[in-house]
Protein backbone atom coordinates (compact mmCIF):
# COMPACT_ATOMS: atom_id res chain seq x y z
CA UNK A 1 0.00 0.00 0.00
CA UNK A 2 1.46 3.34 -1.01
CA UNK A 3 1.01 6.80 0.53
CA UNK A 4 -1.93 7.79 -1.69
CA UNK A 5 -3.80 4.54 -1.04
CA UNK A 6 -3.24 4.83 2.70
CA UNK A 7 -4.43 8.45 2.78
CA UNK A 8 -7.59 7.40 0.91
CA UNK A 9 -8.12 4.59 3.44
CA UNK A 10 -7.73 7.14 6.26
CA UNK A 11 -10.24 9.44 4.55
CA UNK A 12 -12.73 6.58 4.38
CA UNK A 13 -12.05 5.48 7.96
CA UNK A 14 -12.61 9.04 9.24
CA UNK A 15 -15.67 9.49 6.99
CA UNK A 16 -14.05 12.34 5.05
CA UNK A 17 -14.36 13.06 1.34
CA UNK A 18 -11.79 11.15 -0.72
CA UNK A 19 -8.66 13.26 -1.14
CA UNK A 20 -9.26 15.38 1.97
CA UNK A 21 -6.12 14.31 3.81
CA UNK A 22 -2.72 15.16 2.35
CA UNK A 23 -0.41 14.72 5.34
CA UNK A 24 0.30 17.96 7.19
CA UNK A 25 -3.16 18.18 8.80
CA UNK A 26 -3.17 18.46 12.58
CA UNK A 27 -5.11 15.60 14.16
CA UNK A 28 -6.74 18.04 16.60
CA UNK A 29 -8.34 19.82 13.62
CA UNK A 30 -10.08 16.66 12.38
CA UNK A 31 -13.47 16.39 14.08
CA UNK A 32 -13.70 12.63 13.56
CA UNK A 33 -10.28 11.93 15.14
CA UNK A 34 -11.35 10.51 18.49
CA UNK A 35 -10.76 7.41 20.62
CA UNK A 36 -12.76 5.25 18.19
CA UNK A 37 -10.68 6.58 15.28
CA UNK A 38 -7.49 5.68 17.18
CA UNK A 39 -8.68 2.08 17.53
CA UNK A 40 -9.75 2.04 13.87
CA UNK A 41 -6.33 3.35 12.83
CA UNK A 42 -4.57 0.58 14.76
CA UNK A 43 -6.86 -1.99 13.10
CA UNK A 44 -6.32 -0.47 9.64
CA UNK A 45 -2.54 -0.67 9.95
CA UNK A 46 -2.74 -4.23 11.24
CA UNK A 47 -5.12 -5.34 8.49
CA UNK A 48 -3.53 -3.56 5.53
CA UNK A 49 0.14 -3.55 6.52
CA UNK A 50 0.44 -6.44 8.95
CA UNK A 51 2.02 -4.71 11.91
CA UNK A 52 0.86 -3.29 15.23
CA UNK A 53 1.21 0.38 16.09
CA UNK A 54 2.29 0.87 19.70
CA UNK A 55 -0.12 2.95 21.74
CA UNK A 56 2.72 4.86 23.43
CA UNK A 57 3.91 6.08 20.04
CA UNK A 58 0.42 6.76 18.73
CA UNK A 59 -0.42 9.16 21.57
CA UNK A 60 2.53 11.32 20.48
CA UNK A 61 1.20 11.68 16.91
CA UNK A 62 0.16 15.25 16.14
CA UNK A 63 -0.33 15.19 12.35
CA UNK A 64 -1.52 12.84 9.62
CA UNK A 65 2.13 12.60 8.52
CA UNK A 66 2.93 11.29 12.02
CA UNK A 67 0.32 8.58 11.49
CA UNK A 68 1.87 7.70 8.13
CA UNK A 69 5.27 7.37 9.77
CA UNK A 70 3.87 5.07 12.45
CA UNK A 71 2.28 2.96 9.73
CA UNK A 72 5.61 2.72 7.92
CA UNK A 73 4.41 4.77 4.94
CA UNK A 74 6.95 7.16 3.45
CA UNK A 75 6.34 10.75 4.48
CA UNK A 76 6.90 13.45 1.86
CA UNK A 77 10.02 15.52 2.48
């Protein structure tokens, strides 16, 4: 799964229009980013990429790019 595909999966998971997320968005600015979204993100990474995101690292995520990094998806420079 590449960056674009993962961003589209995040859009769908967060019930946003396709193409809404690009990476630099602050998680605090996304209304649907809540405790259920955190659990859904962990499940998405596990299902699509086959690895578990550690909760201690996830709580430090501030942006969508941070989420991409935790998922092992290349973050744009």
